Amino acid sequence: MTTANQTEAMDQNRRRELGQFFTPDSVADLMASFFQAEWNEVRLLDAGAGRGALTSALVRRLCGQQRRPGRIDLTAYEIDGTLIPSLYETVKKCRRDCCASGIEFTWTIRNEDFVVSGSRHGELFGGDRKAFNAAIVNPPYRKIRSDSPDRAVLSSAGIETSNLYTAFLALIVKVLEPGGELVAITPRSFCNGVYFRPFREQLLNSVALARLHVFESRRAAFDADDVLQENVIIHAIKGRSQDNRVTVSVSSGSPGSSISAREVAFSEVVTPNDAERFIHFPVGDALIRARDLIEELPCSLSQLGLSVSTGRVVDFRAREFLRKAPALDTVPLIYPAHFDQGFVRWPRTDIRKPNAIANTPETRDLLVQSGTYVLTKRFTAKEETRRLVACIYDPQRVPASLVGFENHLNYFHTNRHGMNNELAKGLAAFLNSTVLDLYFRSFSGHTQVNATDLRNLPYPCKATLERIAQRLATVGSNQSEIDEVVEAELANDHVESRNLVELGDAVFSESLNER
C-alpha cells in the first residue's frame, strides 16, 4: 500500500524529471498584472499550464478590468497527464467567470509536449486559426542533453539552447503575432554566460523588453521547491522597436510583499556594444552607483596582460591520481576549501578533499607552474554574502614547483604563469569588493561564476590595482577597509581617465586650429 508521503515523494520525483515548479497564486497575479491587456479578442497560449494557475490569474485580471475583451480563446499545453483533470477544472471555472463578465470563452487543452508541437508551429495554426497575441508561462527548467531528441527537434526549428525554459521562450516568441505580449517567469541564468548567448541574441532581436522584475529571495517565490537560482519575470512585446526606457522592479517574492519599481534607460539593461548581450537588472541606488563606478573602468583583462581560466583538474576524472596527503611524488591540489582569509592555506587536514595530485606524465597537462595566482570560487553557497570570492595563491606559503587547480576554481594568470605580487593583491581586493559584487549581481542571478563572466568584466588599470594593494598593506584587509580603498581608487581612476580624454580632445582641437 502506498502512503501519502510516498505518493508526495513520487510526485516530486516526477516533477523534478519534468522540470516543473508550480506557480504560487501571488506570483501568478503579479505576472497577469504586467500585461497591457488592450485586446478585443485574446488568443492566449499557456505553454506549460500545470494546473492552470497562470491562465486563471490572467482571466481574473481581464474579467475584473473596466475594458474587457469580447472573447478569450485559450490553448493550454501540459505534458503531464496526471495534471489534466485539475487543469480541466480550472479552465471550466475560467469559463464560468468569463460568462458572468460577458466574455466569450473557448479553450483547447493539449496533453502534448510543447517543444515538439511548437517546433512544428505551422501545425498550431491549422485552418483559419490566427497566431497568439498573448502568452503567459512558467516553463519547465531542465537541461537539454546535446544528444537528446529535444535538442534535435529544436535545432530543426533553428533554436540552439541548452535548457528547456529558454527553448519554451524561443518557441513562444515564434508563435506570437507582431505586437503579441509575453509574460514569463524563469530562472535568471539566461541573462549572462556563454551558453545562453545565442538565446539572448535571438530574444533581443525579436522582442522589445517592457518590464523586468527580480525577486530578492531565491526561495520566497517558490518556497515549496528547492530552487537554487534567482527568479525573474520578463514582459516582452514581439516585433516592437525597443523603447529607450524599461521598467525594472523588485520584491522579496513573499505573498503580499511590497514592490519597488523604477524606469531606467535601456542602455542600463543591455550595455551598448556589449558583444555578449548581458541583461542587467539595475535595481536600487547602491546598484546604480556600482554600475556607474564599474562600467567606466578603462581596462579589459587582456589589456592588463592577464587571462582567466577554469581549473583543469576534474577530480572525478582524475580520481586515481588524487592523494589525501602530500608525498614526494605529488604536487599541491587546490580546492575552494583551501581558501582562508584571503590566501590559500595548504595542506589542510580538516577537510575531506584531497590535498595533492600525483605528478606524472598523465597529469602534467592539468598542472601549472608555481607562481602568484588569483583564484575565485566558481560556485558559492546560497548563504554566502558575496557572489565573488577571491584569494591569492602565494608560492611563498605553498612551496612547490607545480600546482593543480581543481575545476571548481577559476584562476587569473599571465599565459598560464603567475603575476607580480602587487598586481595580484590589488586584483584580489577588487574582486572581493562589495561594489563589484553588486555590479556582478545585476546580471548574474545564480551561484555559478563563469570564467567568461570574469573575462568580460571591466577592470581598473594596472597602476590603480597596484595602488589598492599598497594602501591595503598599511590599513588592513577587512571588508570595510577593502571597500573604502577600492571605491576611492576607482573614483580616482575615473578622474584620471576623464582628464586623459579631455587632454586628448584639447590636443586634437589645437591641431585642427593650426591647420
Protein backbone atom coordinates (compact mmCIF):
# COMPACT_ATOMS: atom_id res chain seq x y z
CA MET A 1 0.00 0.00 0.00
CA THR A 2 1.34 3.45 -0.97
CA THR A 3 1.35 6.05 1.81
CA ALA A 4 0.60 9.75 1.36
CA ASN A 5 4.27 10.58 1.93
CA GLN A 6 5.33 8.04 -0.68
CA THR A 7 2.83 9.48 -3.14
CA GLU A 8 4.13 13.00 -2.48
CA ALA A 9 7.72 11.76 -2.97
CA MET A 10 6.75 10.14 -6.27
CA ASP A 11 5.01 13.34 -7.38
CA GLN A 12 8.11 15.37 -6.53
CA ASN A 13 10.34 12.94 -8.42
CA ARG A 14 8.03 13.18 -11.43
CA ARG A 15 8.03 16.98 -11.25
CA ARG A 16 11.83 17.02 -10.95
CA GLU A 17 12.10 14.79 -14.01
CA LEU A 18 9.88 17.16 -15.99
CA GLY A 19 11.47 20.31 -14.52
CA GLN A 20 8.17 21.51 -13.05
CA PHE A 21 7.83 24.26 -10.42
CA PHE A 22 4.22 25.25 -9.80
CA THR A 23 3.46 28.98 -9.67
CA PRO A 24 2.02 30.36 -6.40
CA ASP A 25 -1.17 32.40 -6.83
CA SER A 26 0.50 35.60 -5.62
CA VAL A 27 3.20 35.32 -8.30
CA ALA A 28 0.62 34.41 -10.96
CA ASP A 29 -1.40 37.54 -10.10
CA LEU A 30 1.74 39.67 -10.32
CA MET A 31 2.54 38.25 -13.75
CA ALA A 32 -1.00 38.84 -15.01
CA SER A 33 -0.78 42.49 -13.93
CA PHE A 34 2.12 43.10 -16.34
CA PHE A 35 0.02 42.69 -19.50
CA GLN A 36 -1.07 45.87 -21.22
CA ALA A 37 -4.33 43.98 -21.96
CA GLU A 38 -5.67 46.18 -24.77
CA TRP A 39 -7.28 43.38 -26.76
CA ASN A 40 -10.79 42.91 -28.13
CA GLU A 41 -10.02 39.23 -28.68
CA VAL A 42 -7.41 37.43 -26.60
CA ARG A 43 -5.74 34.44 -28.22
CA LEU A 44 -3.88 33.10 -25.21
CA LEU A 45 -1.12 30.49 -25.08
CA ASP A 46 -0.19 28.79 -21.79
CA ALA A 47 2.62 26.51 -22.94
CA GLY A 48 3.30 24.76 -19.62
CA ALA A 49 -0.08 25.07 -17.97
CA GLY A 50 0.28 22.73 -14.98
CA ARG A 51 -2.96 23.08 -13.02
CA GLY A 52 -3.80 26.37 -14.74
CA ALA A 53 -2.70 28.95 -12.16
CA LEU A 54 -1.35 31.42 -14.73
CA THR A 55 -4.34 31.21 -17.05
CA SER A 56 -6.67 31.60 -14.07
CA ALA A 57 -4.79 34.72 -12.90
CA LEU A 58 -4.95 36.40 -16.30
CA VAL A 59 -8.64 35.57 -16.72
CA ARG A 60 -9.33 37.09 -13.28
CA ARG A 61 -7.46 40.21 -14.35
CA LEU A 62 -9.40 40.52 -17.62
CA CYS A 63 -12.79 39.85 -16.03
CA GLY A 64 -12.13 42.47 -13.35
CA GLN A 65 -10.99 45.35 -15.53
CA GLN A 66 -13.25 48.07 -16.87
CA ARG A 67 -12.44 47.50 -20.53
CA ARG A 68 -12.93 43.80 -21.06
CA PRO A 69 -12.21 41.79 -24.19
CA GLY A 70 -15.15 40.33 -26.06
CA ARG A 71 -13.56 36.90 -26.37
CA ILE A 72 -10.79 34.79 -24.87
CA ASP A 73 -9.56 31.74 -26.77
CA LEU A 74 -7.13 29.62 -24.71
CA THR A 75 -4.68 26.98 -25.88
CA ALA A 76 -3.08 25.21 -22.93
CA TYR A 77 -0.28 22.65 -23.19
CA GLU A 78 0.55 20.24 -20.39
CA ILE A 79 2.75 17.18 -20.88
CA ASP A 80 1.93 15.59 -17.51
CA GLY A 81 -1.30 13.63 -17.91
CA THR A 82 -1.85 13.45 -14.15
CA LEU A 83 -2.43 17.23 -14.11
CA ILE A 84 -5.00 17.33 -16.92
CA PRO A 85 -8.07 16.76 -14.64
CA SER A 86 -7.03 19.66 -12.39
CA LEU A 87 -6.30 21.85 -15.41
CA TYR A 88 -9.71 20.96 -16.86
CA GLU A 89 -11.45 22.05 -13.64
CA THR A 90 -9.53 25.36 -13.64
CA VAL A 91 -10.50 26.05 -17.24
CA LYS A 92 -14.17 25.32 -16.52
CA LYS A 93 -14.08 27.87 -13.70
CA CYS A 94 -12.47 30.39 -16.08
CA ARG A 95 -15.35 29.85 -18.45
CA ARG A 96 -17.91 30.46 -15.71
CA ASP A 97 -16.14 33.65 -14.63
CA CYS A 98 -15.97 34.88 -18.21
CA CYS A 99 -19.65 34.11 -18.78
CA ALA A 100 -20.54 36.17 -15.67
CA SER A 101 -18.46 39.07 -17.05
CA GLY A 102 -19.92 38.95 -20.55
CA ILE A 103 -16.80 37.47 -22.17
CA GLU A 104 -16.99 34.56 -24.61
CA PHE A 105 -14.52 31.85 -23.57
CA THR A 106 -13.29 28.93 -25.65
CA TRP A 107 -10.43 26.59 -24.97
CA THR A 108 -8.26 23.74 -26.21
CA ILE A 109 -6.25 21.59 -23.79
CA ARG A 110 -3.40 19.60 -25.32
CA ASN A 111 -1.78 16.82 -23.34
CA GLU A 112 1.34 17.16 -25.50
CA ASP A 113 4.99 18.16 -25.42
CA PHE A 114 5.06 21.84 -26.36
CA VAL A 115 8.67 21.58 -27.55
CA VAL A 116 7.64 19.07 -30.22
CA SER A 117 4.42 20.88 -31.18
CA GLY A 118 5.97 24.35 -31.02
CA SER A 119 8.90 23.29 -33.21
CA ARG A 120 6.32 22.39 -35.87
CA HIS A 121 4.48 25.63 -35.20
CA GLY A 122 2.69 25.55 -38.54
CA GLU A 123 0.59 22.76 -37.06
CA LEU A 124 -0.60 25.10 -34.30
CA PHE A 125 -2.38 27.28 -36.85
CA GLY A 126 -4.34 24.83 -38.95
CA GLY A 127 -7.44 26.07 -40.79
CA ASP A 128 -8.42 29.65 -40.03
CA ARG A 129 -6.68 29.80 -36.67
CA LYS A 130 -4.80 33.05 -36.02
CA ALA A 131 -1.49 33.43 -34.24
CA PHE A 132 -1.43 34.06 -30.49
CA ASN A 133 -1.42 37.63 -29.25
CA ALA A 134 -0.74 36.78 -25.58
CA ALA A 135 1.36 34.15 -23.81
CA ILE A 136 1.88 33.55 -20.12
CA VAL A 137 4.25 30.83 -18.96
CA ASN A 138 6.24 29.28 -16.17
CA PRO A 139 8.32 26.96 -18.37
CA PRO A 140 9.97 23.77 -17.14
CA TYR A 141 13.56 24.14 -16.00
CA ARG A 142 15.76 21.25 -17.06
CA LYS A 143 18.99 20.92 -19.01
CA ILE A 144 18.80 19.50 -22.54
CA ARG A 145 21.50 16.99 -23.41
CA SER A 146 23.26 17.62 -26.71
CA ASP A 147 22.28 14.12 -27.93
CA SER A 148 18.62 14.29 -26.78
CA PRO A 149 15.59 14.16 -29.11
CA ASP A 150 14.52 17.59 -27.79
CA ARG A 151 17.81 19.12 -28.96
CA ALA A 152 17.37 17.67 -32.44
CA VAL A 153 13.77 18.90 -32.69
CA LEU A 154 14.78 22.39 -31.57
CA SER A 155 17.72 22.53 -33.97
CA SER A 156 15.35 21.72 -36.81
CA ALA A 157 13.36 24.82 -35.79
CA GLY A 158 16.51 26.97 -35.77
CA ILE A 159 16.78 27.13 -31.97
CA GLU A 160 20.06 26.32 -30.23
CA THR A 161 19.79 26.28 -26.47
CA SER A 162 20.81 24.09 -23.54
CA ASN A 163 17.76 24.36 -21.28
CA LEU A 164 14.05 23.68 -21.63
CA TYR A 165 12.98 27.03 -20.25
CA THR A 166 14.81 29.04 -22.92
CA ALA A 167 13.55 26.58 -25.55
CA PHE A 168 9.98 27.33 -24.44
CA LEU A 169 10.55 31.09 -24.61
CA ALA A 170 12.15 30.93 -28.05
CA LEU A 171 9.29 28.81 -29.40
CA ILE A 172 6.63 31.04 -27.83
CA VAL A 173 8.15 34.11 -29.48
CA LYS A 174 7.96 32.28 -32.82
CA VAL A 175 4.21 31.63 -32.49
CA LEU A 176 3.26 35.12 -31.27
CA GLU A 177 1.91 37.59 -33.79
CA PRO A 178 3.63 41.00 -34.15
CA GLY A 179 2.62 43.07 -31.13
CA GLY A 180 1.90 39.93 -29.12
CA GLU A 181 2.77 40.06 -25.43
CA LEU A 182 4.80 37.51 -23.48
CA VAL A 183 5.00 37.37 -19.69
CA ALA A 184 7.24 34.62 -18.33
CA ILE A 185 8.80 33.68 -15.01
CA THR A 186 12.14 31.93 -15.42
CA PRO A 187 15.49 31.38 -13.74
CA ARG A 188 17.82 34.33 -14.23
CA SER A 189 20.66 32.30 -15.70
CA PHE A 190 19.86 33.28 -19.31
CA CYS A 191 20.89 36.88 -18.55
CA ASN A 192 24.62 36.05 -18.72
CA GLY A 193 27.01 33.26 -19.63
CA VAL A 194 28.32 31.88 -22.89
CA TYR A 195 25.81 29.02 -23.18
CA PHE A 196 22.81 31.36 -23.34
CA ARG A 197 24.34 33.93 -25.68
CA PRO A 198 22.57 32.61 -28.84
CA PHE A 199 19.25 32.72 -26.97
CA ARG A 200 19.85 36.28 -25.71
CA GLU A 201 20.73 37.37 -29.23
CA GLN A 202 17.59 35.78 -30.66
CA LEU A 203 15.34 37.14 -27.92
CA LEU A 204 16.61 40.72 -28.03
CA ASN A 205 16.40 40.76 -31.83
CA SER A 206 12.78 39.56 -31.77
CA VAL A 207 11.11 41.42 -28.90
CA ALA A 208 11.15 44.70 -27.03
CA LEU A 209 11.61 44.41 -23.27
CA ALA A 210 8.86 46.33 -21.49
CA ARG A 211 9.37 45.27 -17.89
CA LEU A 212 11.78 43.20 -15.82
CA HIS A 213 11.09 42.01 -12.29
CA VAL A 214 13.51 40.27 -9.94
CA PHE A 215 12.86 38.53 -6.64
CA GLU A 216 15.36 39.34 -3.90
CA SER A 217 14.98 35.89 -2.31
CA ARG A 218 15.73 32.68 -4.16
CA ARG A 219 13.26 30.75 -2.02
CA ALA A 220 10.36 33.10 -1.34
CA ALA A 221 8.66 32.85 -4.76
CA PHE A 222 8.90 29.05 -4.84
CA ASP A 223 9.05 28.31 -1.14
CA ALA A 224 7.95 24.68 -1.54
CA ASP A 225 10.72 23.86 -4.02
CA ASP A 226 14.49 23.67 -3.70
CA VAL A 227 15.19 26.47 -6.17
CA LEU A 228 18.87 27.48 -6.32
CA GLN A 229 18.59 30.38 -8.76
CA GLU A 230 17.02 33.77 -8.54
CA ASN A 231 13.79 34.02 -10.49
CA VAL A 232 12.82 36.86 -12.78
CA ILE A 233 9.68 37.88 -14.66
CA ILE A 234 10.04 39.35 -18.12
CA HIS A 235 7.36 41.20 -20.07
CA ALA A 236 8.23 41.41 -23.76
CA ILE A 237 6.39 42.52 -26.89
CA LYS A 238 7.15 40.85 -30.20
CA GLY A 239 8.23 42.93 -33.18
CA ARG A 240 8.09 46.29 -31.41
CA SER A 241 11.05 48.66 -31.54
CA GLN A 242 12.83 48.78 -28.22
CA ASP A 243 11.79 51.78 -26.11
CA ASN A 244 14.51 53.91 -24.59
CA ARG A 245 13.04 53.31 -21.12
CA VAL A 246 12.32 50.00 -19.37
CA THR A 247 10.52 49.42 -16.08
CA VAL A 248 12.60 47.42 -13.62
CA SER A 249 11.06 46.26 -10.34
CA VAL A 250 11.98 44.16 -7.33
CA SER A 251 10.17 42.39 -4.50
CA SER A 252 11.01 39.71 -1.97
CA GLY A 253 8.67 37.20 -3.63
CA SER A 254 6.67 36.52 -0.47
CA PRO A 255 2.87 36.90 -0.75
CA GLY A 256 1.86 40.49 -0.16
CA SER A 257 5.43 41.82 -0.26
CA SER A 258 5.90 45.39 -1.45
CA ILE A 259 7.19 46.11 -4.95
CA SER A 260 9.75 48.80 -5.74
CA ALA A 261 9.75 49.90 -9.39
CA ARG A 262 11.67 52.46 -11.41
CA GLU A 263 12.14 53.40 -15.03
CA VAL A 264 15.68 53.10 -16.34
CA ALA A 265 17.37 53.68 -19.67
CA PHE A 266 17.50 50.55 -21.81
CA SER A 267 21.26 51.13 -22.05
CA GLU A 268 21.41 50.29 -18.32
CA VAL A 269 19.72 46.95 -19.03
CA VAL A 270 21.74 45.95 -22.08
CA THR A 271 25.01 47.88 -22.31
CA PRO A 272 25.63 49.32 -25.79
CA ASN A 273 28.32 47.48 -27.76
CA ASP A 274 28.29 44.54 -25.33
CA ALA A 275 29.01 41.60 -27.63
CA GLU A 276 27.69 39.15 -25.02
CA ARG A 277 24.33 41.00 -24.72
CA PHE A 278 24.22 40.53 -20.93
CA ILE A 279 20.89 41.59 -19.42
CA HIS A 280 21.24 43.65 -16.22
CA PHE A 281 18.69 44.35 -13.51
CA PRO A 282 19.61 47.83 -12.21
CA VAL A 283 17.51 47.96 -9.04
CA GLY A 284 18.38 50.09 -6.02
CA ASP A 285 20.58 53.16 -5.63
CA ALA A 286 23.58 51.13 -4.46
CA LEU A 287 23.50 49.01 -7.59
CA ILE A 288 23.14 52.05 -9.86
CA ARG A 289 26.15 53.60 -8.18
CA ALA A 290 28.08 50.33 -8.57
CA ARG A 291 27.31 50.28 -12.28
CA ASP A 292 28.47 53.88 -12.66
CA LEU A 293 31.79 53.01 -11.00
CA ILE A 294 32.44 49.69 -12.74
CA GLU A 295 31.29 50.33 -16.30
CA GLU A 296 33.57 53.36 -16.68
CA LEU A 297 36.69 51.38 -15.76
CA PRO A 298 39.26 51.66 -18.55
CA CYS A 299 40.78 48.20 -18.98
CA SER A 300 39.88 44.77 -20.20
CA LEU A 301 41.58 41.75 -18.69
CA SER A 302 43.71 41.30 -21.80
CA GLN A 303 44.87 44.92 -21.58
CA LEU A 304 46.21 44.07 -18.13
CA GLY A 305 48.17 41.24 -19.72
CA LEU A 306 46.06 38.70 -17.83
CA SER A 307 43.80 35.78 -18.63
CA VAL A 308 41.34 33.75 -16.56
CA SER A 309 40.74 30.03 -16.91
CA THR A 310 38.82 27.29 -15.17
CA GLY A 311 40.89 24.86 -13.10
CA ARG A 312 41.90 21.85 -15.18
CA VAL A 313 41.68 19.12 -12.57
CA VAL A 314 38.24 17.50 -12.75
CA ASP A 315 38.56 15.35 -9.65
CA PHE A 316 36.18 12.52 -10.57
CA ARG A 317 38.05 12.03 -13.85
CA ALA A 318 41.46 12.09 -12.17
CA ARG A 319 40.45 10.04 -9.10
CA GLU A 320 43.29 7.53 -9.44
CA PHE A 321 45.86 10.34 -9.18
CA LEU A 322 44.41 12.12 -6.13
CA ARG A 323 46.06 11.83 -2.71
CA LYS A 324 44.75 12.80 0.70
CA ALA A 325 48.18 13.94 1.92
CA PRO A 326 51.26 15.31 0.12
CA ALA A 327 54.11 12.93 -0.78
CA LEU A 328 57.39 13.11 -2.69
CA ASP A 329 55.70 12.19 -5.98
CA THR A 330 52.82 14.71 -5.65
CA VAL A 331 52.16 18.43 -6.06
CA PRO A 332 49.56 20.60 -4.30
CA LEU A 333 45.94 20.32 -5.42
CA ILE A 334 43.88 23.39 -4.51
CA TYR A 335 40.13 23.37 -3.85
CA PRO A 336 37.80 26.16 -2.66
CA ALA A 337 38.10 24.54 0.77
CA HIS A 338 41.71 25.76 0.88
CA PHE A 339 40.60 29.43 0.90
CA ASP A 340 41.47 31.02 4.24
CA GLN A 341 41.31 34.76 4.96
CA GLY A 342 42.36 35.90 1.51
CA PHE A 343 45.10 33.31 0.88
CA VAL A 344 45.41 29.61 0.12
CA ARG A 345 46.16 27.55 3.22
CA TRP A 346 47.73 24.23 2.25
CA PRO A 347 47.74 21.44 3.18
CA ARG A 348 44.61 21.15 5.32
CA THR A 349 43.90 18.10 7.43
CA ASP A 350 40.46 19.38 8.47
CA ILE A 351 38.80 18.97 5.06
CA ARG A 352 37.51 15.93 3.20
CA LYS A 353 39.04 16.92 -0.12
CA PRO A 354 42.42 15.61 -1.32
CA ASN A 355 45.41 17.86 -0.77
CA ALA A 356 47.60 16.57 -3.58
CA ILE A 357 47.71 15.11 -7.06
CA ALA A 358 50.35 12.74 -8.40
CA ASN A 359 52.95 14.37 -10.60
CA THR A 360 53.03 12.01 -13.59
CA PRO A 361 53.13 12.30 -17.39
CA GLU A 362 49.35 11.64 -17.38
CA THR A 363 48.64 14.66 -15.13
CA ARG A 364 51.24 17.09 -16.47
CA ASP A 365 48.76 18.95 -18.72
CA LEU A 366 46.50 19.51 -15.70
CA LEU A 367 49.16 21.43 -13.78
CA VAL A 368 50.63 24.95 -13.97
CA GLN A 369 53.98 26.37 -12.93
CA SER A 370 54.14 27.65 -9.39
CA GLY A 371 53.67 31.42 -9.11
CA THR A 372 51.36 34.07 -7.69
CA TYR A 373 47.79 33.48 -8.90
CA VAL A 374 44.43 34.98 -8.01
CA LEU A 375 41.74 32.34 -7.54
CA THR A 376 37.95 32.68 -7.40
CA LYS A 377 35.31 30.17 -6.47
CA ARG A 378 33.18 29.02 -9.39
CA PHE A 379 30.29 28.15 -7.06
CA THR A 380 29.24 29.94 -3.90
CA ALA A 381 26.82 28.70 -1.28
CA LYS A 382 23.39 30.35 -1.14
CA GLU A 383 24.09 31.73 2.31
CA GLU A 384 27.38 33.43 1.36
CA THR A 385 27.17 37.22 1.43
CA ARG A 386 29.28 37.65 -1.74
CA ARG A 387 28.91 36.03 -5.14
CA LEU A 388 32.54 36.76 -5.98
CA VAL A 389 35.03 35.22 -3.55
CA ALA A 390 38.73 35.59 -4.39
CA CYS A 391 42.01 34.67 -2.74
CA ILE A 392 45.72 34.60 -3.57
CA TYR A 393 47.84 31.53 -4.22
CA ASP A 394 51.20 32.64 -2.81
CA PRO A 395 54.14 30.35 -3.68
CA GLN A 396 55.93 31.55 -0.55
CA ARG A 397 53.19 29.90 1.51
CA VAL A 398 52.95 26.75 -0.63
CA PRO A 399 56.44 25.59 -1.60
CA ALA A 400 56.17 23.57 -4.82
CA SER A 401 57.31 23.81 -8.44
CA LEU A 402 53.91 22.85 -9.90
CA VAL A 403 50.32 23.16 -8.71
CA GLY A 404 46.92 21.83 -9.73
CA PHE A 405 43.77 23.96 -9.54
CA GLU A 406 40.57 21.95 -9.23
CA ASN A 407 37.68 22.54 -11.62
CA HIS A 408 35.56 24.38 -9.03
CA LEU A 409 38.05 27.28 -9.24
CA ASN A 410 38.84 29.98 -11.77
CA TYR A 411 42.43 31.23 -11.81
CA PHE A 412 43.86 34.50 -13.14
CA HIS A 413 47.25 34.12 -14.78
CA THR A 414 49.76 35.51 -17.26
CA ASN A 415 49.92 32.97 -20.07
CA ARG A 416 49.46 30.12 -17.53
CA HIS A 417 52.17 31.60 -15.29
CA GLY A 418 51.91 33.73 -12.16
CA MET A 419 51.79 37.53 -11.92
CA ASN A 420 53.61 40.06 -9.73
CA ASN A 421 52.55 40.19 -6.10
CA GLU A 422 51.28 43.79 -6.04
CA LEU A 423 49.05 43.23 -9.06
CA ALA A 424 47.69 40.02 -7.54
CA LYS A 425 46.87 41.69 -4.21
CA GLY A 426 45.14 44.61 -5.92
CA LEU A 427 43.20 42.33 -8.24
CA ALA A 428 42.05 40.09 -5.37
CA ALA A 429 40.88 43.13 -3.40
CA PHE A 430 38.96 44.46 -6.43
CA LEU A 431 37.29 41.07 -6.94
CA ASN A 432 36.37 40.90 -3.25
CA SER A 433 34.90 44.40 -3.12
CA THR A 434 31.23 44.99 -2.42
CA VAL A 435 30.90 47.41 -5.33
CA LEU A 436 31.99 44.75 -7.83
CA ASP A 437 29.80 42.14 -6.17
CA LEU A 438 26.77 44.41 -6.53
CA TYR A 439 27.59 45.00 -10.20
CA PHE A 440 28.06 41.28 -10.81
CA ARG A 441 24.69 40.51 -9.21
CA SER A 442 22.98 42.92 -11.61
CA PHE A 443 23.40 40.39 -14.42
CA SER A 444 24.10 37.08 -12.65
CA GLY A 445 21.36 35.51 -10.57
CA HIS A 446 22.82 32.11 -9.82
CA THR A 447 25.61 30.79 -7.67
CA GLN A 448 27.99 29.99 -10.53
CA VAL A 449 30.77 32.38 -11.55
CA ASN A 450 31.97 31.53 -15.04
CA ALA A 451 35.38 32.39 -16.46
CA THR A 452 33.51 34.10 -19.33
CA ASP A 453 31.78 36.43 -16.87
CA LEU A 454 35.11 37.36 -15.29
CA ARG A 455 36.72 37.77 -18.70
CA ASN A 456 34.06 40.29 -19.75
CA LEU A 457 34.21 42.49 -16.66
CA PRO A 458 35.73 45.98 -16.89
CA TYR A 459 38.89 46.34 -14.78
CA PRO A 460 40.91 49.21 -13.30
CA CYS A 461 44.27 49.95 -14.87
CA LYS A 462 47.39 48.22 -13.56
CA ALA A 463 48.59 51.29 -11.66
CA THR A 464 45.24 51.53 -9.83
CA LEU A 465 45.31 47.87 -8.82
CA GLU A 466 48.84 48.25 -7.50
CA ARG A 467 47.85 51.37 -5.54
CA ILE A 468 44.98 49.40 -3.99
CA ALA A 469 47.48 46.75 -2.89
CA GLN A 470 49.87 49.33 -1.42
CA ARG A 471 47.14 51.13 0.53
CA LEU A 472 45.69 47.90 1.94
CA ALA A 473 49.15 46.82 3.08
CA THR A 474 49.11 49.71 5.56
CA VAL A 475 45.43 49.80 6.68
CA GLY A 476 44.49 46.12 6.79
CA SER A 477 42.08 43.98 4.81
CA ASN A 478 38.71 43.57 6.48
CA GLN A 479 35.66 44.08 4.24
CA SER A 480 35.01 47.71 5.18
CA GLU A 481 38.66 48.62 4.58
CA ILE A 482 38.71 46.80 1.23
CA ASP A 483 35.55 48.63 0.16
CA GLU A 484 36.78 52.05 1.24
CA VAL A 485 40.13 51.72 -0.54
CA VAL A 486 38.75 50.11 -3.71
CA GLU A 487 35.97 52.66 -4.18
CA ALA A 488 38.31 55.60 -3.56
CA GLU A 489 40.82 54.30 -6.11
CA LEU A 490 38.12 53.52 -8.70
CA ALA A 491 36.86 57.08 -8.37
CA ASN A 492 40.44 58.34 -8.90
CA ASP A 493 40.74 56.03 -11.92
CA HIS A 494 37.67 57.71 -13.45
CA VAL A 495 39.03 61.21 -12.85
CA GLU A 496 42.38 60.30 -14.44
CA SER A 497 40.66 58.67 -17.41
CA ARG A 498 38.43 61.72 -17.97
CA ASN A 499 41.45 64.03 -17.74
CA LEU A 500 43.28 61.97 -20.37
CA VAL A 501 40.24 62.08 -22.65
CA GLU A 502 39.89 65.86 -22.18
CA LEU A 503 43.61 66.31 -22.82
CA GLY A 504 43.35 64.24 -25.98
CA ASP A 505 40.36 66.28 -27.17
CA ALA A 506 42.23 69.54 -26.45
CA VAL A 507 45.30 68.38 -28.40
CA PHE A 508 43.09 67.28 -31.30
CA SER A 509 41.25 70.64 -31.35
CA GLU A 510 44.52 72.56 -31.23
CA SER A 511 45.83 70.51 -34.14
CA LEU A 512 42.73 71.33 -36.19
CA ASN A 513 43.08 75.04 -35.43
CA GLU A 514 46.70 75.03 -36.58
CA ARG A 515 45.61 73.54 -39.87
